[in-house]
């Protein structure tokens, strides 16, 4: 497989992941659920979040955890407005100084999430946080489905909306037309997704 084919596969997989995340948010309305969104790039996370805000007709609130956060539950609880949003996306777990303690505390009070929150909770994670969650908060992690994965494409401009792929027929059958996600990587070159 050459570099171009690999990039096309990643783009197609990211598009499928975006659709899966949208479906999960829509189907979880009114119920508490934990959705893990794995993404190694902070910029890509923000752009996917922007895409979700623009394309879904539900009120999604973003919350970036401060590095000093001690517990996930309390931080979320105090940050939420009344009435609660229809969905919450949490960013910044990788920036929390005492992440191990935060995850242990999260596992300990996991039942409070279900008691107090009736909306889907999207936790944006990278590989390190995902591994720590499996090790330090296994019961909380077990409440999640398989992480929805978004991967970074090489630092090469890729024209996402016009690429041929094997998933084109599925997208047409599903009648999903998604506007492209524009993202920038560390070298600030734009890539259309």
N, C-alpha and C. Protein backbone atom coordinates (compact mmCIF):
# COMPACT_ATOMS: atom_id res chain seq x y z
N UNK A 1 0.86 -1.18 0.00
CA UNK A 1 0.00 0.00 0.00
C UNK A 1 0.89 1.23 0.00
N UNK A 2 0.65 2.14 -0.95
CA UNK A 2 1.47 3.35 -0.99
C UNK A 2 0.93 4.40 -0.02
N UNK A 3 1.69 5.49 0.09
CA UNK A 3 1.36 6.54 1.06
C UNK A 3 -0.01 7.16 0.77
N UNK A 4 -0.32 7.35 -0.49
CA UNK A 4 -1.60 7.94 -0.87
C UNK A 4 -2.78 7.05 -0.48
N UNK A 5 -2.64 5.75 -0.72
CA UNK A 5 -3.70 4.81 -0.35
C UNK A 5 -3.87 4.76 1.16
N UNK A 6 -2.76 4.81 1.87
CA UNK A 6 -2.81 4.79 3.33
C UNK A 6 -3.56 6.03 3.84
N UNK A 7 -3.25 7.19 3.27
CA UNK A 7 -3.93 8.42 3.68
C UNK A 7 -5.42 8.35 3.38
N UNK A 8 -5.77 7.80 2.22
CA UNK A 8 -7.18 7.67 1.86
C UNK A 8 -7.90 6.75 2.84
N UNK A 9 -7.25 5.68 3.25
CA UNK A 9 -7.85 4.77 4.22
C UNK A 9 -8.07 5.46 5.57
N UNK A 10 -7.09 6.26 6.00
CA UNK A 10 -7.22 6.98 7.27
C UNK A 10 -8.35 7.99 7.19
N UNK A 11 -8.43 8.71 6.07
CA UNK A 11 -9.50 9.70 5.90
C UNK A 11 -10.87 9.02 5.91
N UNK A 12 -10.98 7.90 5.21
CA UNK A 12 -12.25 7.17 5.18
C UNK A 12 -12.61 6.67 6.57
N UNK A 13 -11.63 6.17 7.30
CA UNK A 13 -11.88 5.69 8.66
C UNK A 13 -12.29 6.85 9.57
N UNK A 14 -11.66 8.02 9.43
CA UNK A 14 -12.04 9.18 10.23
C UNK A 14 -13.46 9.64 9.92
N UNK A 15 -13.84 9.56 8.66
CA UNK A 15 -15.21 9.93 8.30
C UNK A 15 -16.21 8.96 8.95
N UNK A 16 -15.92 7.68 8.90
CA UNK A 16 -16.79 6.68 9.54
C UNK A 16 -16.84 6.91 11.06
N UNK A 17 -15.70 7.27 11.65
CA UNK A 17 -15.66 7.55 13.09
C UNK A 17 -16.51 8.76 13.44
N UNK A 18 -16.46 9.78 12.60
CA UNK A 18 -17.27 10.97 12.83
C UNK A 18 -18.76 10.62 12.78
N UNK A 19 -19.16 9.82 11.81
CA UNK A 19 -20.56 9.39 11.73
C UNK A 19 -20.94 8.57 12.97
N UNK A 20 -20.04 7.70 13.42
CA UNK A 20 -20.31 6.89 14.60
C UNK A 20 -20.47 7.77 15.84
N UNK A 21 -19.62 8.79 15.96
CA UNK A 21 -19.71 9.70 17.10
C UNK A 21 -21.03 10.48 17.06
N UNK A 22 -21.41 10.93 15.88
CA UNK A 22 -22.70 11.64 15.75
C UNK A 22 -23.86 10.74 16.15
N UNK A 23 -23.85 9.50 15.64
CA UNK A 23 -24.93 8.57 15.98
C UNK A 23 -24.97 8.31 17.49
N UNK A 24 -23.81 8.13 18.09
CA UNK A 24 -23.76 7.87 19.53
C UNK A 24 -24.33 9.03 20.32
N UNK A 25 -24.01 10.24 19.92
CA UNK A 25 -24.55 11.41 20.62
C UNK A 25 -26.05 11.52 20.45
N UNK A 26 -26.54 11.28 19.27
CA UNK A 26 -27.98 11.37 19.01
C UNK A 26 -28.75 10.27 19.74
N UNK A 27 -28.25 9.05 19.66
CA UNK A 27 -28.97 7.92 20.28
C UNK A 27 -28.91 7.94 21.80
N UNK A 28 -27.96 8.67 22.38
CA UNK A 28 -27.81 8.71 23.84
C UNK A 28 -28.56 9.87 24.48
N UNK A 29 -29.30 10.63 23.70
CA UNK A 29 -30.00 11.78 24.26
C UNK A 29 -30.94 11.35 25.38
N UNK A 30 -30.83 12.07 26.51
CA UNK A 30 -31.69 11.79 27.65
C UNK A 30 -31.17 10.70 28.58
N UNK A 31 -30.08 10.05 28.21
CA UNK A 31 -29.49 9.00 29.03
C UNK A 31 -28.01 9.28 29.23
N UNK A 32 -27.49 8.83 30.36
CA UNK A 32 -26.05 8.97 30.58
C UNK A 32 -25.32 7.88 29.83
N UNK A 33 -24.30 8.27 29.12
CA UNK A 33 -23.40 7.32 28.49
C UNK A 33 -22.02 7.96 28.42
N UNK A 34 -21.01 7.11 28.39
CA UNK A 34 -19.64 7.58 28.26
C UNK A 34 -19.14 7.16 26.89
N UNK A 35 -18.67 8.11 26.14
CA UNK A 35 -18.13 7.86 24.81
C UNK A 35 -16.67 8.27 24.84
N UNK A 36 -15.78 7.32 24.60
CA UNK A 36 -14.36 7.64 24.50
C UNK A 36 -14.04 7.95 23.05
N UNK A 37 -13.46 9.12 22.82
CA UNK A 37 -13.03 9.52 21.48
C UNK A 37 -11.51 9.60 21.51
N UNK A 38 -10.88 8.65 20.84
CA UNK A 38 -9.42 8.60 20.80
C UNK A 38 -8.93 9.43 19.64
N UNK A 39 -8.03 10.37 19.94
CA UNK A 39 -7.45 11.21 18.90
C UNK A 39 -6.09 11.70 19.37
N UNK A 40 -5.03 11.40 18.63
CA UNK A 40 -3.70 11.80 19.07
C UNK A 40 -3.39 13.29 18.85
N UNK A 41 -4.20 13.99 18.10
CA UNK A 41 -3.93 15.38 17.75
C UNK A 41 -4.95 16.32 18.42
N UNK A 42 -4.46 17.27 19.20
CA UNK A 42 -5.35 18.25 19.84
C UNK A 42 -6.07 19.10 18.81
N UNK A 43 -5.38 19.46 17.75
CA UNK A 43 -6.00 20.29 16.71
C UNK A 43 -7.13 19.54 16.01
N UNK A 44 -6.90 18.29 15.71
CA UNK A 44 -7.93 17.49 15.06
C UNK A 44 -9.14 17.34 15.99
N UNK A 45 -8.91 17.16 17.28
CA UNK A 45 -10.01 17.08 18.25
C UNK A 45 -10.88 18.33 18.18
N UNK A 46 -10.24 19.48 18.21
CA UNK A 46 -10.98 20.74 18.20
C UNK A 46 -11.77 20.89 16.91
N UNK A 47 -11.21 20.46 15.82
CA UNK A 47 -11.92 20.61 14.56
C UNK A 47 -13.07 19.62 14.43
N UNK A 48 -12.90 18.44 14.97
CA UNK A 48 -14.01 17.48 14.98
C UNK A 48 -15.12 18.03 15.88
N UNK A 49 -14.74 18.59 17.02
CA UNK A 49 -15.74 19.19 17.91
C UNK A 49 -16.49 20.31 17.20
N UNK A 50 -15.77 21.15 16.48
CA UNK A 50 -16.43 22.22 15.72
C UNK A 50 -17.40 21.64 14.70
N UNK A 51 -16.99 20.59 14.03
CA UNK A 51 -17.85 19.93 13.04
C UNK A 51 -19.13 19.42 13.73
N UNK A 52 -18.98 18.83 14.90
CA UNK A 52 -20.15 18.33 15.63
C UNK A 52 -21.09 19.47 16.02
N UNK A 53 -20.53 20.57 16.52
CA UNK A 53 -21.35 21.73 16.89
C UNK A 53 -22.13 22.26 15.69
N UNK A 54 -21.48 22.29 14.54
CA UNK A 54 -22.10 22.86 13.34
C UNK A 54 -23.12 21.93 12.70
N UNK A 55 -22.94 20.62 12.86
CA UNK A 55 -23.78 19.69 12.10
C UNK A 55 -24.88 19.00 12.91
N UNK A 56 -24.81 19.07 14.23
CA UNK A 56 -25.83 18.42 15.04
C UNK A 56 -26.76 19.47 15.65
N UNK A 57 -28.02 19.12 15.74
CA UNK A 57 -29.02 20.04 16.29
C UNK A 57 -29.23 19.77 17.77
N UNK A 58 -28.16 19.46 18.47
CA UNK A 58 -28.24 19.27 19.92
C UNK A 58 -27.25 20.23 20.58
N UNK A 59 -27.57 20.62 21.81
CA UNK A 59 -26.71 21.55 22.54
C UNK A 59 -25.55 20.77 23.16
N UNK A 60 -24.37 20.96 22.59
CA UNK A 60 -23.16 20.30 23.10
C UNK A 60 -22.31 21.35 23.80
N UNK A 61 -21.95 21.07 25.03
CA UNK A 61 -21.06 21.97 25.76
C UNK A 61 -19.67 21.37 25.76
N UNK A 62 -18.66 22.23 25.62
CA UNK A 62 -17.26 21.81 25.72
C UNK A 62 -16.73 22.21 27.08
N UNK A 63 -15.91 21.34 27.65
CA UNK A 63 -15.26 21.63 28.92
C UNK A 63 -13.81 21.20 28.81
N UNK A 64 -12.90 22.14 29.04
CA UNK A 64 -11.48 21.82 29.06
C UNK A 64 -11.05 21.77 30.52
N UNK A 65 -10.55 20.63 30.92
CA UNK A 65 -10.13 20.46 32.31
C UNK A 65 -8.88 21.29 32.59
N UNK A 66 -8.84 21.95 33.74
CA UNK A 66 -7.62 22.66 34.10
C UNK A 66 -6.55 21.65 34.55
N UNK A 67 -5.28 21.97 34.39
CA UNK A 67 -4.23 21.06 34.83
C UNK A 67 -4.32 20.71 36.32
N UNK A 68 -4.95 21.58 37.09
CA UNK A 68 -5.06 21.36 38.53
C UNK A 68 -6.26 20.52 38.94
N UNK A 69 -7.04 20.03 37.99
CA UNK A 69 -8.26 19.25 38.30
C UNK A 69 -7.90 18.05 39.18
N UNK A 70 -8.70 17.86 40.23
CA UNK A 70 -8.48 16.75 41.15
C UNK A 70 -9.43 15.58 40.90
N UNK A 71 -10.67 15.93 40.49
CA UNK A 71 -11.65 14.89 40.19
C UNK A 71 -12.42 15.27 38.94
N UNK A 72 -12.76 14.28 38.17
CA UNK A 72 -13.52 14.53 36.95
C UNK A 72 -14.97 14.87 37.29
N UNK A 73 -15.56 14.08 38.17
CA UNK A 73 -16.97 14.28 38.49
C UNK A 73 -17.23 15.68 39.06
N UNK A 74 -16.48 16.09 40.06
CA UNK A 74 -16.70 17.39 40.70
C UNK A 74 -16.43 18.53 39.73
N UNK A 75 -15.40 18.41 38.93
CA UNK A 75 -15.09 19.45 37.95
C UNK A 75 -16.24 19.62 36.97
N UNK A 76 -16.77 18.51 36.48
CA UNK A 76 -17.90 18.56 35.56
C UNK A 76 -19.14 19.12 36.26
N UNK A 77 -19.43 18.60 37.44
CA UNK A 77 -20.62 18.99 38.19
C UNK A 77 -20.67 20.51 38.41
N UNK A 78 -19.55 21.09 38.81
CA UNK A 78 -19.52 22.53 39.09
C UNK A 78 -19.47 23.38 37.82
N UNK A 79 -19.07 22.81 36.70
CA UNK A 79 -18.98 23.57 35.45
C UNK A 79 -20.28 23.58 34.66
N UNK A 80 -21.19 22.66 34.98
CA UNK A 80 -22.41 22.54 34.19
C UNK A 80 -23.42 23.63 34.51
N UNK A 81 -24.00 24.20 33.47
CA UNK A 81 -25.07 25.17 33.70
C UNK A 81 -26.38 24.43 33.96
N UNK A 82 -27.36 25.15 34.45
CA UNK A 82 -28.72 24.61 34.56
C UNK A 82 -29.55 25.28 33.50
N UNK A 83 -30.31 24.60 32.74
CA UNK A 83 -30.39 23.15 32.68
C UNK A 83 -29.12 22.57 32.04
N UNK A 84 -28.92 21.29 32.27
CA UNK A 84 -27.74 20.61 31.73
C UNK A 84 -27.78 20.60 30.20
N UNK A 85 -26.61 20.55 29.59
CA UNK A 85 -26.58 20.46 28.12
C UNK A 85 -27.09 19.09 27.66
N UNK A 86 -27.30 18.97 26.38
CA UNK A 86 -27.74 17.69 25.82
C UNK A 86 -26.58 16.74 25.63
N UNK A 87 -25.36 17.27 25.64
CA UNK A 87 -24.14 16.47 25.55
C UNK A 87 -22.98 17.31 26.07
N UNK A 88 -21.96 16.62 26.56
CA UNK A 88 -20.78 17.31 27.08
C UNK A 88 -19.53 16.64 26.51
N UNK A 89 -18.62 17.46 25.98
CA UNK A 89 -17.33 16.96 25.51
C UNK A 89 -16.25 17.50 26.44
N UNK A 90 -15.43 16.59 26.96
CA UNK A 90 -14.38 16.96 27.89
C UNK A 90 -13.02 16.82 27.21
N UNK A 91 -12.28 17.91 27.24
CA UNK A 91 -10.93 17.97 26.68
C UNK A 91 -9.94 18.17 27.82
N UNK A 92 -8.68 17.89 27.56
CA UNK A 92 -7.61 18.25 28.50
C UNK A 92 -7.21 17.20 29.51
N UNK A 93 -7.71 15.99 29.39
CA UNK A 93 -7.28 14.95 30.35
C UNK A 93 -5.78 14.77 30.34
N UNK A 94 -5.15 14.89 29.16
CA UNK A 94 -3.70 14.70 29.07
C UNK A 94 -2.92 15.81 29.74
N UNK A 95 -3.57 16.93 30.06
CA UNK A 95 -2.90 18.06 30.69
C UNK A 95 -3.04 18.06 32.21
N UNK A 96 -3.86 17.18 32.75
CA UNK A 96 -4.07 17.14 34.20
C UNK A 96 -2.79 16.64 34.87
N UNK A 97 -2.29 17.42 35.82
CA UNK A 97 -1.03 17.10 36.49
C UNK A 97 -1.14 15.78 37.26
N UNK A 98 -2.20 15.62 38.03
CA UNK A 98 -2.38 14.41 38.84
C UNK A 98 -3.41 13.49 38.19
N UNK A 99 -3.14 13.09 36.95
CA UNK A 99 -4.10 12.30 36.19
C UNK A 99 -4.38 10.95 36.85
N UNK A 100 -3.37 10.34 37.44
CA UNK A 100 -3.58 9.04 38.08
C UNK A 100 -4.60 9.14 39.21
N UNK A 101 -4.45 10.17 40.06
CA UNK A 101 -5.38 10.37 41.17
C UNK A 101 -6.78 10.70 40.64
N UNK A 102 -6.85 11.50 39.59
CA UNK A 102 -8.14 11.85 39.01
C UNK A 102 -8.85 10.60 38.50
N UNK A 103 -8.13 9.72 37.83
CA UNK A 103 -8.75 8.51 37.30
C UNK A 103 -9.18 7.55 38.41
N UNK A 104 -8.38 7.41 39.44
CA UNK A 104 -8.76 6.56 40.57
C UNK A 104 -10.03 7.10 41.23
N UNK A 105 -10.08 8.43 41.44
CA UNK A 105 -11.27 9.04 42.04
C UNK A 105 -12.49 8.87 41.13
N UNK A 106 -12.29 8.98 39.83
CA UNK A 106 -13.38 8.80 38.87
C UNK A 106 -13.95 7.39 38.97
N UNK A 107 -13.08 6.42 39.07
CA UNK A 107 -13.52 5.03 39.20
C UNK A 107 -14.31 4.83 40.49
N UNK A 108 -13.86 5.48 41.55
CA UNK A 108 -14.49 5.34 42.86
C UNK A 108 -15.91 5.92 42.90
N UNK A 109 -16.14 7.04 42.21
CA UNK A 109 -17.46 7.71 42.25
C UNK A 109 -18.24 7.52 40.96
N UNK A 110 -17.93 6.49 40.21
CA UNK A 110 -18.55 6.30 38.89
C UNK A 110 -20.07 6.27 38.94
N UNK A 111 -20.66 5.76 40.00
CA UNK A 111 -22.13 5.70 40.08
C UNK A 111 -22.76 7.09 40.12
N UNK A 112 -22.04 8.08 40.64
CA UNK A 112 -22.57 9.44 40.70
C UNK A 112 -22.80 10.02 39.32
N UNK A 113 -21.98 9.64 38.35
CA UNK A 113 -22.17 10.12 36.99
C UNK A 113 -23.56 9.74 36.49
N UNK A 114 -23.91 8.48 36.67
CA UNK A 114 -25.22 8.00 36.20
C UNK A 114 -26.37 8.61 36.99
N UNK A 115 -26.17 8.83 38.27
CA UNK A 115 -27.23 9.41 39.09
C UNK A 115 -27.50 10.88 38.75
N UNK A 116 -26.46 11.61 38.42
CA UNK A 116 -26.59 13.06 38.27
C UNK A 116 -26.66 13.56 36.83
N UNK A 117 -26.16 12.78 35.88
CA UNK A 117 -26.08 13.26 34.51
C UNK A 117 -26.94 12.40 33.60
N UNK A 118 -27.79 13.05 32.81
CA UNK A 118 -28.64 12.32 31.86
C UNK A 118 -28.34 12.78 30.44
N UNK A 119 -27.07 12.74 30.10
CA UNK A 119 -26.62 13.15 28.77
C UNK A 119 -25.35 12.37 28.44
N UNK A 120 -25.02 12.27 27.16
CA UNK A 120 -23.77 11.59 26.80
C UNK A 120 -22.56 12.46 27.15
N UNK A 121 -21.53 11.80 27.62
CA UNK A 121 -20.28 12.44 28.01
C UNK A 121 -19.18 11.92 27.09
N UNK A 122 -18.61 12.81 26.29
CA UNK A 122 -17.53 12.43 25.38
C UNK A 122 -16.21 12.82 26.06
N UNK A 123 -15.38 11.83 26.28
CA UNK A 123 -14.05 12.08 26.84
C UNK A 123 -13.03 11.93 25.72
N UNK A 124 -12.33 13.01 25.40
CA UNK A 124 -11.28 12.96 24.37
C UNK A 124 -10.00 12.47 25.02
N UNK A 125 -9.46 11.39 24.49
CA UNK A 125 -8.28 10.76 25.07
C UNK A 125 -7.21 10.51 24.01
N UNK A 126 -5.97 10.42 24.49
CA UNK A 126 -4.89 9.96 23.63
C UNK A 126 -4.48 8.56 24.13
N UNK A 127 -3.45 7.99 23.54
CA UNK A 127 -3.07 6.63 23.90
C UNK A 127 -2.67 6.51 25.36
N UNK A 128 -1.91 7.47 25.87
CA UNK A 128 -1.46 7.42 27.26
C UNK A 128 -2.65 7.45 28.23
N UNK A 129 -3.60 8.34 27.99
CA UNK A 129 -4.76 8.45 28.88
C UNK A 129 -5.62 7.19 28.78
N UNK A 130 -5.79 6.67 27.60
CA UNK A 130 -6.58 5.45 27.42
C UNK A 130 -5.96 4.30 28.21
N UNK A 131 -4.65 4.14 28.14
CA UNK A 131 -3.97 3.08 28.88
C UNK A 131 -4.09 3.28 30.39
N UNK A 132 -3.95 4.51 30.84
CA UNK A 132 -4.09 4.79 32.27
C UNK A 132 -5.52 4.54 32.74
N UNK A 133 -6.49 4.86 31.90
CA UNK A 133 -7.88 4.63 32.26
C UNK A 133 -8.16 3.13 32.41
N UNK A 134 -7.63 2.34 31.50
CA UNK A 134 -7.80 0.89 31.58
C UNK A 134 -7.21 0.35 32.87
N UNK A 135 -6.06 0.89 33.25
CA UNK A 135 -5.35 0.39 34.44
C UNK A 135 -5.91 0.95 35.75
N UNK A 136 -6.26 2.25 35.77
CA UNK A 136 -6.62 2.91 37.03
C UNK A 136 -8.12 3.10 37.26
N UNK A 137 -8.90 3.05 36.19
CA UNK A 137 -10.35 3.23 36.31
C UNK A 137 -11.06 2.16 35.49
N UNK A 138 -10.78 0.89 35.76
CA UNK A 138 -11.33 -0.17 34.91
C UNK A 138 -12.86 -0.26 34.94
N UNK A 139 -13.46 -0.03 36.10
CA UNK A 139 -14.92 -0.12 36.19
C UNK A 139 -15.58 1.01 35.40
N UNK A 140 -15.04 2.21 35.52
CA UNK A 140 -15.54 3.36 34.75
C UNK A 140 -15.33 3.11 33.26
N UNK A 141 -14.17 2.62 32.89
CA UNK A 141 -13.86 2.33 31.48
C UNK A 141 -14.81 1.26 30.92
N UNK A 142 -15.22 0.30 31.75
CA UNK A 142 -16.12 -0.75 31.30
C UNK A 142 -17.51 -0.23 30.94
N UNK A 143 -17.85 0.95 31.41
CA UNK A 143 -19.13 1.56 31.04
C UNK A 143 -19.10 2.12 29.63
N UNK A 144 -17.94 2.21 29.06
CA UNK A 144 -17.82 2.79 27.72
C UNK A 144 -17.92 1.70 26.67
N UNK A 145 -18.17 2.14 25.47
CA UNK A 145 -18.07 1.22 24.33
C UNK A 145 -16.63 1.28 23.85
N UNK A 146 -16.33 0.58 22.81
CA UNK A 146 -15.00 0.67 22.22
C UNK A 146 -14.74 2.12 21.83
N UNK A 147 -13.54 2.60 22.08
CA UNK A 147 -13.21 3.98 21.76
C UNK A 147 -13.39 4.25 20.27
N UNK A 148 -13.98 5.39 19.98
CA UNK A 148 -14.12 5.83 18.59
C UNK A 148 -12.79 6.47 18.23
N UNK A 149 -12.14 5.95 17.21
CA UNK A 149 -10.76 6.35 16.89
C UNK A 149 -10.71 7.32 15.70
N UNK A 150 -9.95 8.38 15.91
CA UNK A 150 -9.60 9.32 14.86
C UNK A 150 -8.09 9.33 14.75
N UNK A 151 -7.58 9.18 13.55
CA UNK A 151 -6.14 9.11 13.34
C UNK A 151 -5.66 10.32 12.55
N UNK A 152 -4.42 10.67 12.78
CA UNK A 152 -3.79 11.77 12.07
C UNK A 152 -3.32 11.30 10.71
N UNK A 153 -3.54 12.14 9.71
CA UNK A 153 -3.05 11.88 8.36
C UNK A 153 -1.69 12.56 8.26
N UNK A 154 -0.83 12.04 7.43
CA UNK A 154 0.49 12.63 7.22
C UNK A 154 0.37 14.12 6.88
N UNK A 155 1.46 14.84 7.01
CA UNK A 155 1.46 16.28 6.75
C UNK A 155 1.43 16.60 5.26
N UNK A 156 0.52 15.99 4.59
CA UNK A 156 0.37 16.20 3.16
C UNK A 156 -1.07 16.62 2.91
N UNK A 157 -1.26 17.57 2.02
CA UNK A 157 -2.61 18.05 1.72
C UNK A 157 -3.39 16.94 1.02
N UNK A 158 -4.56 16.66 1.53
CA UNK A 158 -5.41 15.62 0.97
C UNK A 158 -6.77 16.22 0.71
N UNK A 159 -7.30 16.05 -0.48
CA UNK A 159 -8.61 16.57 -0.82
C UNK A 159 -9.66 15.55 -0.41
N UNK A 160 -10.16 15.67 0.79
CA UNK A 160 -11.06 14.68 1.39
C UNK A 160 -12.39 14.51 0.67
N UNK A 161 -13.13 15.59 0.38
CA UNK A 161 -14.47 15.38 -0.17
C UNK A 161 -14.50 14.71 -1.54
N UNK A 162 -13.43 14.78 -2.31
CA UNK A 162 -13.45 14.25 -3.67
C UNK A 162 -12.68 12.95 -3.82
N UNK A 163 -12.24 12.36 -2.77
CA UNK A 163 -11.43 11.16 -2.88
C UNK A 163 -12.31 9.94 -3.17
N UNK A 164 -11.83 9.06 -4.02
CA UNK A 164 -12.57 7.81 -4.24
C UNK A 164 -12.26 6.85 -3.09
N UNK A 165 -13.24 6.12 -2.67
CA UNK A 165 -12.99 5.13 -1.62
C UNK A 165 -14.05 4.04 -1.70
N UNK A 166 -13.76 2.98 -0.99
CA UNK A 166 -14.71 1.87 -0.97
C UNK A 166 -15.93 2.20 -0.13
N UNK A 167 -15.83 3.23 0.70
CA UNK A 167 -16.97 3.57 1.57
C UNK A 167 -17.92 4.55 0.89
N UNK A 168 -17.61 4.99 -0.34
CA UNK A 168 -18.47 5.96 -1.03
C UNK A 168 -19.88 5.43 -1.20
N UNK A 169 -20.01 4.16 -1.58
CA UNK A 169 -21.35 3.58 -1.78
C UNK A 169 -22.12 3.56 -0.47
N UNK A 170 -21.44 3.22 0.64
CA UNK A 170 -22.13 3.21 1.93
C UNK A 170 -22.58 4.60 2.32
N UNK A 171 -21.73 5.62 2.07
CA UNK A 171 -22.12 6.99 2.41
C UNK A 171 -23.31 7.43 1.59
N UNK A 172 -23.33 7.08 0.29
CA UNK A 172 -24.46 7.47 -0.54
C UNK A 172 -25.73 6.77 -0.10
N UNK A 173 -25.62 5.48 0.25
CA UNK A 173 -26.79 4.75 0.72
C UNK A 173 -27.32 5.36 2.01
N UNK A 174 -26.41 5.78 2.87
CA UNK A 174 -26.82 6.34 4.16
C UNK A 174 -27.33 7.78 4.00
N UNK A 175 -27.14 8.37 2.82
CA UNK A 175 -27.57 9.73 2.52
C UNK A 175 -26.99 10.75 3.50
N UNK A 176 -25.72 10.53 3.87
CA UNK A 176 -25.02 11.48 4.73
C UNK A 176 -24.16 12.37 3.86
N UNK A 177 -24.34 13.65 3.96
CA UNK A 177 -23.44 14.56 3.29
C UNK A 177 -22.82 15.44 4.36
N UNK A 178 -21.57 15.21 4.59
CA UNK A 178 -20.87 15.94 5.63
C UNK A 178 -20.01 17.02 5.02
N UNK A 179 -20.09 18.25 5.52
CA UNK A 179 -19.16 19.27 5.05
C UNK A 179 -17.75 18.88 5.50
N UNK A 180 -16.74 19.29 4.76
CA UNK A 180 -15.39 18.88 5.10
C UNK A 180 -14.93 19.50 6.41
N UNK A 181 -14.07 18.78 7.10
CA UNK A 181 -13.41 19.31 8.29
C UNK A 181 -12.09 19.87 7.82
N UNK A 182 -11.79 21.08 8.18
CA UNK A 182 -10.50 21.67 7.83
C UNK A 182 -9.64 21.57 9.07
N UNK A 183 -8.46 21.02 8.93
CA UNK A 183 -7.59 20.90 10.09
C UNK A 183 -6.17 21.32 9.73
N UNK A 184 -5.42 21.66 10.74
CA UNK A 184 -4.02 22.04 10.56
C UNK A 184 -3.20 21.20 11.54
N UNK A 185 -2.04 20.80 11.07
CA UNK A 185 -1.15 20.03 11.91
C UNK A 185 0.00 20.89 12.40
N UNK A 186 0.92 20.28 13.07
CA UNK A 186 2.00 21.00 13.72
C UNK A 186 2.76 21.94 12.79
N UNK A 187 2.82 21.63 11.53
CA UNK A 187 3.52 22.53 10.61
C UNK A 187 2.57 23.56 9.99
N UNK A 188 1.33 23.65 10.48
CA UNK A 188 0.32 24.62 10.06
C UNK A 188 -0.08 24.52 8.60
N UNK A 189 0.15 23.41 7.97
CA UNK A 189 -0.36 23.22 6.62
C UNK A 189 -1.77 22.68 6.72
N UNK A 190 -2.74 23.26 5.98
CA UNK A 190 -4.13 22.78 6.09
C UNK A 190 -4.31 21.44 5.39
N UNK A 191 -5.19 20.65 5.96
CA UNK A 191 -5.61 19.40 5.36
C UNK A 191 -7.11 19.37 5.43
N UNK A 192 -7.76 19.13 4.32
CA UNK A 192 -9.22 19.04 4.33
C UNK A 192 -9.61 17.64 4.69
N UNK A 193 -10.58 17.53 5.55
CA UNK A 193 -11.08 16.22 5.97
C UNK A 193 -12.53 16.14 5.64
